[in-house]
Amino acid sequence: MSTTHTDRLRALLEPLAAQAGLDLEDLKVTQAGSRRQVQIDVDADGGVDLDTIAEFSRVVGEALDESDVMGAGAYVLEVGSPGAERPLVEPRHWRRAEGRLAKIHLVDGGEIVARVLEADEDGALVEVQPVKGRGRPKERRLEYTEVDRARVQVEFNRKDEKLLDEAADFADDDASDFVDDASADDGAEEGDDGAQ
């Protein structure tokens, strides 16, 4: 059984990702002029931040330099996350997309746009959005075997209720602080005016 260069890289990197608490989501090696470009996408429950990516990039760089998997040639290493419009392939992808909108192509040829409500190892409960805004969203249990491919959609105008509530609370707190401060200042000014 022959192994490809990418298979050897994956075998080296997957244990490193697991040790860092990450999932190795994608791995690509391409030729970029005289150098090879190694692109790695990692993710985790709760997402990954820049510090995590930088630390994992350092660990990967050391491992690649110590192994012979890249050979003697120069390479460029890029480590990142899957991005906003990530494909939903594994159950963990669906779980991490809870609350997000997805465009789902079904095995039977249909296509739906649905919000992922919850996901498990066999499928996901989704809220299918009405076509052209007509009607009401409907919940549907979708087994992964029914899905040909799916991808998270970017929403520019979604209003997150929790964030709106927090913003309202923050605005109310600031407003009451401002009113209290303004009242105190007005009283001080009036007292000052009366003293003159």
N, C-alpha and C. Protein backbone atom coordinates (compact mmCIF):
# COMPACT_ATOMS: atom_id res chain seq x y z
N MET A 1 0.85 -1.18 0.00
CA MET A 1 0.00 0.00 0.00
C MET A 1 0.89 1.24 0.00
N SER A 2 0.73 2.10 -1.00
CA SER A 2 1.56 3.29 -1.08
C SER A 2 0.86 4.44 -0.34
N THR A 3 1.69 5.28 0.23
CA THR A 3 1.14 6.44 0.91
C THR A 3 1.59 7.69 0.17
N THR A 4 0.71 8.65 0.05
CA THR A 4 1.05 9.90 -0.63
C THR A 4 1.77 10.83 0.34
N HIS A 5 2.34 11.87 -0.23
CA HIS A 5 3.01 12.88 0.57
C HIS A 5 2.03 13.50 1.59
N THR A 6 0.81 13.76 1.15
CA THR A 6 -0.21 14.34 2.03
C THR A 6 -0.56 13.37 3.15
N ASP A 7 -0.64 12.06 2.84
CA ASP A 7 -0.93 11.06 3.88
C ASP A 7 0.16 11.05 4.94
N ARG A 8 1.41 11.15 4.51
CA ARG A 8 2.53 11.17 5.47
C ARG A 8 2.48 12.43 6.33
N LEU A 9 2.16 13.56 5.71
CA LEU A 9 2.01 14.80 6.46
C LEU A 9 0.88 14.70 7.48
N ARG A 10 -0.25 14.17 7.03
CA ARG A 10 -1.41 14.02 7.92
C ARG A 10 -1.06 13.13 9.10
N ALA A 11 -0.35 12.04 8.86
CA ALA A 11 0.05 11.12 9.93
C ALA A 11 0.95 11.82 10.95
N LEU A 12 1.78 12.76 10.48
CA LEU A 12 2.65 13.51 11.38
C LEU A 12 1.87 14.57 12.17
N LEU A 13 0.92 15.24 11.49
CA LEU A 13 0.26 16.41 12.06
C LEU A 13 -0.97 16.11 12.91
N GLU A 14 -1.71 15.06 12.58
CA GLU A 14 -2.93 14.77 13.35
C GLU A 14 -2.66 14.55 14.84
N PRO A 15 -1.62 13.77 15.23
CA PRO A 15 -1.34 13.64 16.67
C PRO A 15 -0.96 14.98 17.33
N LEU A 16 -0.25 15.84 16.59
CA LEU A 16 0.11 17.15 17.14
C LEU A 16 -1.14 18.00 17.37
N ALA A 17 -2.06 17.94 16.42
CA ALA A 17 -3.32 18.69 16.57
C ALA A 17 -4.10 18.17 17.76
N ALA A 18 -4.22 16.85 17.87
CA ALA A 18 -4.97 16.25 18.98
C ALA A 18 -4.34 16.64 20.31
N GLN A 19 -3.02 16.64 20.37
CA GLN A 19 -2.31 17.01 21.60
C GLN A 19 -2.59 18.47 21.97
N ALA A 20 -2.81 19.33 20.97
CA ALA A 20 -3.12 20.74 21.21
C ALA A 20 -4.61 20.97 21.43
N GLY A 21 -5.42 19.90 21.40
CA GLY A 21 -6.86 20.03 21.58
C GLY A 21 -7.56 20.55 20.33
N LEU A 22 -6.96 20.30 19.17
CA LEU A 22 -7.49 20.79 17.89
C LEU A 22 -7.86 19.64 16.98
N ASP A 23 -8.71 19.92 16.01
CA ASP A 23 -9.02 18.98 14.94
C ASP A 23 -8.33 19.47 13.68
N LEU A 24 -7.61 18.58 13.00
CA LEU A 24 -6.99 18.91 11.72
C LEU A 24 -8.09 18.80 10.66
N GLU A 25 -8.58 19.94 10.20
CA GLU A 25 -9.72 19.96 9.28
C GLU A 25 -9.32 19.83 7.83
N ASP A 26 -8.24 20.46 7.44
CA ASP A 26 -7.85 20.42 6.03
C ASP A 26 -6.33 20.55 5.93
N LEU A 27 -5.78 19.92 4.91
CA LEU A 27 -4.34 19.95 4.67
C LEU A 27 -4.12 19.94 3.17
N LYS A 28 -3.41 20.95 2.67
CA LYS A 28 -3.13 21.05 1.24
C LYS A 28 -1.66 21.37 1.06
N VAL A 29 -1.05 20.74 0.07
CA VAL A 29 0.32 21.07 -0.31
C VAL A 29 0.28 21.44 -1.79
N THR A 30 0.73 22.65 -2.09
CA THR A 30 0.75 23.11 -3.48
C THR A 30 2.13 23.66 -3.79
N GLN A 31 2.45 23.69 -5.06
CA GLN A 31 3.72 24.27 -5.50
C GLN A 31 3.52 25.75 -5.73
N ALA A 32 4.36 26.58 -5.13
CA ALA A 32 4.29 28.03 -5.30
C ALA A 32 5.67 28.51 -5.75
N GLY A 33 5.89 28.51 -7.06
CA GLY A 33 7.21 28.85 -7.60
C GLY A 33 8.20 27.76 -7.25
N SER A 34 9.31 28.15 -6.63
CA SER A 34 10.32 27.15 -6.27
C SER A 34 10.06 26.53 -4.89
N ARG A 35 9.05 27.01 -4.22
CA ARG A 35 8.72 26.49 -2.89
C ARG A 35 7.39 25.75 -2.90
N ARG A 36 7.23 24.91 -1.90
CA ARG A 36 5.94 24.28 -1.68
C ARG A 36 5.21 25.06 -0.59
N GLN A 37 3.91 25.14 -0.74
CA GLN A 37 3.08 25.83 0.25
C GLN A 37 2.26 24.79 0.99
N VAL A 38 2.38 24.76 2.31
CA VAL A 38 1.63 23.84 3.17
C VAL A 38 0.56 24.65 3.88
N GLN A 39 -0.71 24.37 3.55
CA GLN A 39 -1.84 25.07 4.16
C GLN A 39 -2.57 24.11 5.08
N ILE A 40 -2.74 24.52 6.34
CA ILE A 40 -3.37 23.68 7.35
C ILE A 40 -4.51 24.47 7.98
N ASP A 41 -5.69 23.85 8.04
CA ASP A 41 -6.82 24.44 8.77
C ASP A 41 -7.09 23.59 9.99
N VAL A 42 -7.20 24.24 11.15
CA VAL A 42 -7.52 23.56 12.40
C VAL A 42 -8.74 24.24 13.02
N ASP A 43 -9.45 23.49 13.86
CA ASP A 43 -10.62 24.03 14.53
C ASP A 43 -10.77 23.31 15.87
N ALA A 44 -11.66 23.83 16.69
CA ALA A 44 -11.96 23.23 17.99
C ALA A 44 -13.33 23.68 18.42
N ASP A 45 -13.92 22.99 19.37
CA ASP A 45 -15.18 23.45 19.95
C ASP A 45 -14.93 24.83 20.54
N GLY A 46 -15.78 25.77 20.22
CA GLY A 46 -15.58 27.14 20.70
C GLY A 46 -14.69 27.96 19.79
N GLY A 47 -14.17 27.35 18.71
CA GLY A 47 -13.32 28.07 17.77
C GLY A 47 -11.87 28.14 18.21
N VAL A 48 -11.05 28.75 17.38
CA VAL A 48 -9.63 28.92 17.69
C VAL A 48 -9.28 30.41 17.58
N ASP A 49 -8.40 30.86 18.47
CA ASP A 49 -7.97 32.25 18.42
C ASP A 49 -6.58 32.34 17.81
N LEU A 50 -6.11 33.55 17.62
CA LEU A 50 -4.81 33.77 16.97
C LEU A 50 -3.65 33.20 17.77
N ASP A 51 -3.73 33.27 19.09
CA ASP A 51 -2.65 32.73 19.93
C ASP A 51 -2.54 31.22 19.75
N THR A 52 -3.69 30.54 19.69
CA THR A 52 -3.70 29.09 19.50
C THR A 52 -3.11 28.73 18.14
N ILE A 53 -3.50 29.47 17.13
CA ILE A 53 -2.99 29.21 15.77
C ILE A 53 -1.49 29.46 15.71
N ALA A 54 -1.03 30.54 16.33
CA ALA A 54 0.41 30.86 16.32
C ALA A 54 1.21 29.77 17.03
N GLU A 55 0.72 29.31 18.17
CA GLU A 55 1.43 28.27 18.93
C GLU A 55 1.45 26.95 18.13
N PHE A 56 0.32 26.59 17.52
CA PHE A 56 0.28 25.36 16.74
C PHE A 56 1.19 25.48 15.52
N SER A 57 1.24 26.64 14.90
CA SER A 57 2.12 26.87 13.76
C SER A 57 3.58 26.65 14.16
N ARG A 58 3.96 27.14 15.33
CA ARG A 58 5.33 26.95 15.83
C ARG A 58 5.64 25.47 16.02
N VAL A 59 4.69 24.73 16.64
CA VAL A 59 4.88 23.29 16.88
C VAL A 59 5.00 22.54 15.55
N VAL A 60 4.14 22.88 14.60
CA VAL A 60 4.17 22.22 13.29
C VAL A 60 5.48 22.52 12.57
N GLY A 61 5.90 23.77 12.60
CA GLY A 61 7.17 24.14 11.95
C GLY A 61 8.34 23.35 12.50
N GLU A 62 8.39 23.21 13.82
CA GLU A 62 9.47 22.43 14.43
C GLU A 62 9.39 20.96 14.00
N ALA A 63 8.17 20.41 13.99
CA ALA A 63 8.01 19.00 13.61
C ALA A 63 8.40 18.77 12.16
N LEU A 64 8.03 19.68 11.28
CA LEU A 64 8.38 19.54 9.86
C LEU A 64 9.88 19.66 9.66
N ASP A 65 10.51 20.57 10.39
CA ASP A 65 11.96 20.74 10.26
C ASP A 65 12.73 19.53 10.78
N GLU A 66 12.20 18.88 11.81
CA GLU A 66 12.87 17.71 12.40
C GLU A 66 12.62 16.43 11.61
N SER A 67 11.56 16.40 10.80
CA SER A 67 11.25 15.18 10.04
C SER A 67 11.76 15.33 8.61
N ASP A 68 11.69 14.24 7.87
CA ASP A 68 12.11 14.29 6.46
C ASP A 68 10.90 14.35 5.52
N VAL A 69 9.70 14.57 6.08
CA VAL A 69 8.48 14.50 5.27
C VAL A 69 8.42 15.59 4.20
N MET A 70 9.07 16.74 4.43
CA MET A 70 9.07 17.81 3.43
C MET A 70 10.33 17.75 2.55
N GLY A 71 11.23 16.84 2.85
CA GLY A 71 12.45 16.76 2.07
C GLY A 71 13.35 17.95 2.35
N ALA A 72 14.29 18.19 1.43
CA ALA A 72 15.26 19.27 1.64
C ALA A 72 14.79 20.59 1.06
N GLY A 73 13.72 20.58 0.27
CA GLY A 73 13.26 21.80 -0.39
C GLY A 73 12.62 22.79 0.58
N ALA A 74 12.59 24.06 0.14
CA ALA A 74 11.97 25.11 0.95
C ALA A 74 10.45 24.99 0.89
N TYR A 75 9.81 25.41 1.97
CA TYR A 75 8.35 25.41 2.01
C TYR A 75 7.86 26.61 2.80
N VAL A 76 6.62 26.99 2.54
CA VAL A 76 5.95 28.06 3.27
C VAL A 76 4.80 27.41 4.04
N LEU A 77 4.70 27.70 5.33
CA LEU A 77 3.68 27.12 6.18
C LEU A 77 2.60 28.15 6.50
N GLU A 78 1.34 27.80 6.27
CA GLU A 78 0.21 28.65 6.62
C GLU A 78 -0.74 27.84 7.48
N VAL A 79 -1.04 28.33 8.68
CA VAL A 79 -1.98 27.67 9.57
C VAL A 79 -3.13 28.65 9.82
N GLY A 80 -4.36 28.16 9.68
CA GLY A 80 -5.53 29.01 9.89
C GLY A 80 -6.72 28.20 10.34
N SER A 81 -7.88 28.83 10.30
CA SER A 81 -9.14 28.13 10.64
C SER A 81 -9.96 27.99 9.37
N PRO A 82 -11.00 27.15 9.39
CA PRO A 82 -11.77 26.89 8.17
C PRO A 82 -12.48 28.10 7.58
N GLY A 83 -12.70 29.14 8.34
CA GLY A 83 -13.33 30.33 7.79
C GLY A 83 -14.84 30.37 8.01
N ALA A 84 -15.44 31.47 7.61
CA ALA A 84 -16.86 31.72 7.89
C ALA A 84 -17.79 30.79 7.12
N GLU A 85 -17.49 30.51 5.87
CA GLU A 85 -18.37 29.67 5.05
C GLU A 85 -17.84 28.25 4.98
N ARG A 86 -17.63 27.66 6.14
CA ARG A 86 -17.04 26.33 6.21
C ARG A 86 -18.01 25.26 5.75
N PRO A 87 -17.49 24.22 5.12
CA PRO A 87 -18.35 23.09 4.74
C PRO A 87 -18.71 22.26 5.98
N LEU A 88 -19.88 21.68 5.96
CA LEU A 88 -20.35 20.82 7.05
C LEU A 88 -20.24 19.38 6.58
N VAL A 89 -19.19 18.70 7.02
CA VAL A 89 -18.91 17.35 6.56
C VAL A 89 -19.07 16.35 7.70
N GLU A 90 -18.45 16.63 8.83
CA GLU A 90 -18.46 15.73 9.99
C GLU A 90 -19.53 16.16 10.99
N PRO A 91 -20.00 15.24 11.83
CA PRO A 91 -20.95 15.64 12.88
C PRO A 91 -20.44 16.80 13.74
N ARG A 92 -19.14 16.86 14.01
CA ARG A 92 -18.60 17.96 14.82
C ARG A 92 -18.76 19.31 14.12
N HIS A 93 -18.72 19.31 12.78
CA HIS A 93 -18.92 20.55 12.03
C HIS A 93 -20.35 21.06 12.23
N TRP A 94 -21.30 20.14 12.18
CA TRP A 94 -22.71 20.51 12.39
C TRP A 94 -22.91 21.02 13.81
N ARG A 95 -22.29 20.36 14.79
CA ARG A 95 -22.42 20.78 16.19
C ARG A 95 -21.85 22.19 16.37
N ARG A 96 -20.72 22.46 15.74
CA ARG A 96 -20.08 23.78 15.87
C ARG A 96 -20.86 24.86 15.11
N ALA A 97 -21.73 24.45 14.21
CA ALA A 97 -22.52 25.40 13.42
C ALA A 97 -23.89 25.67 14.04
N GLU A 98 -24.14 25.17 15.25
CA GLU A 98 -25.44 25.40 15.88
C GLU A 98 -25.70 26.90 15.98
N GLY A 99 -26.90 27.30 15.56
CA GLY A 99 -27.28 28.70 15.53
C GLY A 99 -26.96 29.39 14.22
N ARG A 100 -26.20 28.74 13.36
CA ARG A 100 -25.80 29.33 12.08
C ARG A 100 -26.72 28.87 10.96
N LEU A 101 -26.78 29.64 9.91
CA LEU A 101 -27.56 29.33 8.73
C LEU A 101 -26.70 28.52 7.76
N ALA A 102 -27.28 27.50 7.12
CA ALA A 102 -26.53 26.66 6.19
C ALA A 102 -27.33 26.44 4.91
N LYS A 103 -26.62 26.37 3.81
CA LYS A 103 -27.23 25.98 2.53
C LYS A 103 -26.94 24.49 2.37
N ILE A 104 -28.01 23.71 2.25
CA ILE A 104 -27.89 22.26 2.28
C ILE A 104 -28.40 21.67 0.97
N HIS A 105 -27.54 20.94 0.28
CA HIS A 105 -27.92 20.23 -0.94
C HIS A 105 -28.21 18.79 -0.53
N LEU A 106 -29.41 18.33 -0.85
CA LEU A 106 -29.84 17.00 -0.44
C LEU A 106 -29.50 15.96 -1.50
N VAL A 107 -29.38 14.71 -1.07
CA VAL A 107 -29.07 13.60 -1.96
C VAL A 107 -30.13 13.47 -3.05
N ASP A 108 -31.40 13.76 -2.71
CA ASP A 108 -32.49 13.61 -3.68
C ASP A 108 -32.54 14.75 -4.70
N GLY A 109 -31.58 15.68 -4.63
CA GLY A 109 -31.52 16.78 -5.59
C GLY A 109 -32.11 18.08 -5.07
N GLY A 110 -32.79 18.05 -3.95
CA GLY A 110 -33.37 19.26 -3.38
C GLY A 110 -32.31 20.13 -2.72
N GLU A 111 -32.72 21.35 -2.42
CA GLU A 111 -31.83 22.30 -1.75
C GLU A 111 -32.65 23.09 -0.75
N ILE A 112 -32.12 23.23 0.46
CA ILE A 112 -32.80 24.02 1.48
C ILE A 112 -31.80 24.96 2.15
N VAL A 113 -32.34 26.03 2.70
CA VAL A 113 -31.56 26.92 3.56
C VAL A 113 -32.18 26.77 4.94
N ALA A 114 -31.35 26.41 5.91
CA ALA A 114 -31.88 26.10 7.24
C ALA A 114 -30.90 26.53 8.32
N ARG A 115 -31.45 26.89 9.48
CA ARG A 115 -30.63 27.21 10.65
C ARG A 115 -30.42 25.92 11.44
N VAL A 116 -29.18 25.63 11.79
CA VAL A 116 -28.85 24.43 12.57
C VAL A 116 -29.22 24.71 14.02
N LEU A 117 -30.19 23.95 14.55
CA LEU A 117 -30.63 24.14 15.93
C LEU A 117 -29.83 23.28 16.90
N GLU A 118 -29.65 22.01 16.55
CA GLU A 118 -28.83 21.11 17.36
C GLU A 118 -28.38 19.96 16.48
N ALA A 119 -27.30 19.31 16.88
CA ALA A 119 -26.74 18.23 16.07
C ALA A 119 -26.20 17.13 16.97
N ASP A 120 -26.26 15.89 16.45
CA ASP A 120 -25.69 14.75 17.15
C ASP A 120 -24.89 13.92 16.15
N GLU A 121 -24.58 12.70 16.49
CA GLU A 121 -23.74 11.87 15.62
C GLU A 121 -24.45 11.38 14.35
N ASP A 122 -25.79 11.39 14.34
CA ASP A 122 -26.54 10.85 13.20
C ASP A 122 -27.19 11.90 12.32
N GLY A 123 -27.44 13.08 12.87
CA GLY A 123 -28.13 14.10 12.10
C GLY A 123 -28.29 15.38 12.89
N ALA A 124 -29.09 16.27 12.31
CA ALA A 124 -29.27 17.58 12.93
C ALA A 124 -30.74 17.99 12.87
N LEU A 125 -31.15 18.71 13.88
CA LEU A 125 -32.45 19.36 13.87
C LEU A 125 -32.22 20.74 13.29
N VAL A 126 -32.93 21.04 12.21
CA VAL A 126 -32.75 22.33 11.53
C VAL A 126 -34.08 23.05 11.43
N GLU A 127 -33.99 24.35 11.28
CA GLU A 127 -35.17 25.18 11.06
C GLU A 127 -35.09 25.66 9.62
N VAL A 128 -35.95 25.07 8.77
CA VAL A 128 -35.94 25.38 7.34
C VAL A 128 -36.57 26.75 7.14
N GLN A 129 -35.85 27.61 6.46
CA GLN A 129 -36.32 28.98 6.22
C GLN A 129 -37.34 28.99 5.09
N PRO A 130 -38.34 29.85 5.17
CA PRO A 130 -39.34 29.92 4.10
C PRO A 130 -38.72 30.44 2.80
N VAL A 131 -39.26 29.98 1.69
CA VAL A 131 -38.77 30.42 0.38
C VAL A 131 -39.23 31.85 0.14
N LYS A 132 -38.31 32.72 -0.22
CA LYS A 132 -38.58 34.14 -0.49
C LYS A 132 -39.30 34.82 0.65
N GLY A 133 -39.06 34.37 1.88
CA GLY A 133 -39.64 35.02 3.04
C GLY A 133 -41.12 34.77 3.25
N ARG A 134 -41.71 33.87 2.45
CA ARG A 134 -43.15 33.60 2.58
C ARG A 134 -43.36 32.42 3.52
N GLY A 135 -44.24 32.60 4.48
CA GLY A 135 -44.52 31.52 5.41
C GLY A 135 -43.66 31.62 6.65
N ARG A 136 -43.69 30.56 7.42
CA ARG A 136 -42.94 30.52 8.68
C ARG A 136 -41.87 29.45 8.60
N PRO A 137 -40.78 29.62 9.33
CA PRO A 137 -39.76 28.56 9.37
C PRO A 137 -40.36 27.28 9.97
N LYS A 138 -39.87 26.12 9.49
CA LYS A 138 -40.36 24.83 9.97
C LYS A 138 -39.19 23.98 10.42
N GLU A 139 -39.34 23.34 11.58
CA GLU A 139 -38.30 22.45 12.07
C GLU A 139 -38.34 21.13 11.31
N ARG A 140 -37.15 20.58 11.10
CA ARG A 140 -37.03 19.30 10.39
C ARG A 140 -35.81 18.55 10.92
N ARG A 141 -36.00 17.27 11.16
CA ARG A 141 -34.87 16.42 11.52
C ARG A 141 -34.23 15.97 10.21
N LEU A 142 -32.94 16.20 10.08
CA LEU A 142 -32.22 15.89 8.85
C LEU A 142 -31.11 14.91 9.19
N GLU A 143 -31.19 13.70 8.64
CA GLU A 143 -30.13 12.71 8.84
C GLU A 143 -28.99 13.04 7.89
N TYR A 144 -27.76 12.81 8.34
CA TYR A 144 -26.60 13.12 7.50
C TYR A 144 -26.61 12.32 6.20
N THR A 145 -27.23 11.16 6.21
CA THR A 145 -27.31 10.34 4.99
C THR A 145 -28.17 11.01 3.92
N GLU A 146 -29.00 11.97 4.31
CA GLU A 146 -29.84 12.71 3.35
C GLU A 146 -29.08 13.87 2.71
N VAL A 147 -27.90 14.21 3.25
CA VAL A 147 -27.17 15.40 2.82
C VAL A 147 -26.08 15.04 1.82
N ASP A 148 -26.11 15.69 0.67
CA ASP A 148 -25.03 15.54 -0.31
C ASP A 148 -23.86 16.44 0.08
N ARG A 149 -24.17 17.71 0.32
CA ARG A 149 -23.16 18.67 0.79
C ARG A 149 -23.88 19.83 1.47
N ALA A 150 -23.15 20.50 2.37
CA ALA A 150 -23.72 21.64 3.09
C ALA A 150 -22.61 22.61 3.42
N ARG A 151 -22.98 23.87 3.51
CA ARG A 151 -21.99 24.92 3.80
C ARG A 151 -22.66 26.01 4.63
N VAL A 152 -21.93 26.49 5.64
CA VAL A 152 -22.41 27.59 6.47
C VAL A 152 -22.50 28.85 5.61
N GLN A 153 -23.53 29.65 5.85
CA GLN A 153 -23.74 30.89 5.12
C GLN A 153 -23.41 32.09 6.00
N VAL A 154 -22.84 33.11 5.40
CA VAL A 154 -22.56 34.35 6.13
C VAL A 154 -23.84 35.16 6.16
N GLU A 155 -24.18 35.67 7.34
CA GLU A 155 -25.38 36.51 7.49
C GLU A 155 -24.93 37.91 7.87
N PHE A 156 -25.23 38.88 7.02
CA PHE A 156 -24.84 40.24 7.29
C PHE A 156 -25.89 41.01 8.07
N ASN A 157 -27.15 40.56 8.01
CA ASN A 157 -28.21 41.34 8.65
C ASN A 157 -28.90 40.60 9.79
N ARG A 158 -28.34 39.52 10.27
CA ARG A 158 -28.96 38.79 11.37
C ARG A 158 -28.82 39.57 12.66
N LYS A 159 -29.89 39.62 13.39
CA LYS A 159 -29.88 40.31 14.67
C LYS A 159 -29.92 39.25 15.76
N ASP A 160 -28.80 39.10 16.44
CA ASP A 160 -28.68 38.11 17.51
C ASP A 160 -29.39 38.66 18.75
N GLU A 161 -30.46 37.99 19.18
CA GLU A 161 -31.28 38.46 20.29
C GLU A 161 -30.45 38.66 21.56
N LYS A 162 -29.55 37.73 21.86
CA LYS A 162 -28.75 37.83 23.08
C LYS A 162 -27.88 39.08 23.05
N LEU A 163 -27.24 39.33 21.90
CA LEU A 163 -26.40 40.51 21.79
C LEU A 163 -27.22 41.79 21.89
N LEU A 164 -28.43 41.78 21.28
CA LEU A 164 -29.29 42.95 21.36
C LEU A 164 -29.71 43.23 22.79
N ASP A 165 -30.05 42.16 23.54
CA ASP A 165 -30.42 42.32 24.94
C ASP A 165 -29.26 42.89 25.75
N GLU A 166 -28.05 42.36 25.52
CA GLU A 166 -26.87 42.85 26.25
C GLU A 166 -26.60 44.31 25.89
N ALA A 167 -26.75 44.67 24.62
CA ALA A 167 -26.53 46.05 24.20
C ALA A 167 -27.55 46.98 24.85
N ALA A 168 -28.80 46.54 24.94
CA ALA A 168 -29.84 47.35 25.57
C ALA A 168 -29.53 47.55 27.05
N ASP A 169 -29.10 46.48 27.73
CA ASP A 169 -28.74 46.59 29.14
C ASP A 169 -27.58 47.56 29.32
N PHE A 170 -26.58 47.46 28.43
CA PHE A 170 -25.42 48.32 28.50
C PHE A 170 -25.83 49.78 28.27
N ALA A 171 -26.69 50.01 27.28
CA ALA A 171 -27.15 51.36 26.97
C ALA A 171 -27.95 51.92 28.15
N ASP A 172 -28.79 51.09 28.76
CA ASP A 172 -29.58 51.54 29.92
C ASP A 172 -28.66 51.92 31.07
N ASP A 173 -27.64 51.10 31.34
CA ASP A 173 -26.69 51.39 32.42
C ASP A 173 -25.95 52.69 32.15
N ASP A 174 -25.48 52.86 30.90
CA ASP A 174 -24.76 54.08 30.56
C ASP A 174 -25.66 55.30 30.67
N ALA A 175 -26.90 55.16 30.22
CA ALA A 175 -27.84 56.28 30.25
C ALA A 175 -28.12 56.69 31.68
N SER A 176 -28.31 55.71 32.58
CA SER A 176 -28.60 56.05 33.96
C SER A 176 -27.37 56.69 34.62
N ASP A 177 -26.16 56.23 34.25
CA ASP A 177 -24.95 56.85 34.77
C ASP A 177 -24.86 58.30 34.30
N PHE A 178 -25.18 58.51 33.03
CA PHE A 178 -25.11 59.85 32.47
C PHE A 178 -26.12 60.77 33.15
N VAL A 179 -27.35 60.28 33.33
CA VAL A 179 -28.39 61.08 33.98
C VAL A 179 -27.98 61.41 35.40
N ASP A 180 -27.46 60.42 36.14
CA ASP A 180 -27.04 60.66 37.52
C ASP A 180 -25.92 61.69 37.57
N ASP A 181 -24.94 61.54 36.66
CA ASP A 181 -23.82 62.47 36.65
C ASP A 181 -24.30 63.87 36.26
N ALA A 182 -25.19 63.95 35.28
CA ALA A 182 -25.69 65.24 34.81
C ALA A 182 -26.48 65.92 35.91
N SER A 183 -27.29 65.15 36.64
CA SER A 183 -28.07 65.72 37.74
C SER A 183 -27.15 66.26 38.81
N ALA A 184 -26.12 65.52 39.12
CA ALA A 184 -25.17 65.96 40.14
C ALA A 184 -24.47 67.23 39.70
N ASP A 185 -24.10 67.29 38.41
CA ASP A 185 -23.43 68.49 37.90
C ASP A 185 -24.36 69.69 37.92
N ASP A 186 -25.64 69.46 37.51
CA ASP A 186 -26.61 70.56 37.49
C ASP A 186 -26.80 71.11 38.89
N GLY A 187 -26.89 70.22 39.86
CA GLY A 187 -27.07 70.66 41.24
C GLY A 187 -25.89 71.47 41.72
N ALA A 188 -24.70 71.03 41.35
CA ALA A 188 -23.48 71.73 41.77
C ALA A 188 -23.42 73.11 41.13
N GLU A 189 -23.81 73.16 39.84
CA GLU A 189 -23.78 74.44 39.14
C GLU A 189 -24.80 75.41 39.75
N GLU A 190 -26.00 74.86 40.06
CA GLU A 190 -27.03 75.72 40.64
C GLU A 190 -26.56 76.25 41.98
N GLY A 191 -25.93 75.37 42.76
CA GLY A 191 -25.42 75.81 44.06
C GLY A 191 -24.34 76.86 43.90
N ASP A 192 -23.49 76.65 42.87
CA ASP A 192 -22.43 77.62 42.64
C ASP A 192 -23.00 78.97 42.24
N ASP A 193 -24.05 78.90 41.36
CA ASP A 193 -24.66 80.14 40.88
C ASP A 193 -25.28 80.90 42.05
N GLY A 194 -25.90 80.14 42.96
CA GLY A 194 -26.56 80.78 44.08
C GLY A 194 -25.58 81.42 45.04
N ALA A 195 -24.37 80.88 45.08
CA ALA A 195 -23.36 81.37 46.02
C ALA A 195 -22.73 82.66 45.51
N GLN A 196 -22.80 82.91 44.19
CA GLN A 196 -22.12 84.09 43.63
C GLN A 196 -22.86 85.31 43.89
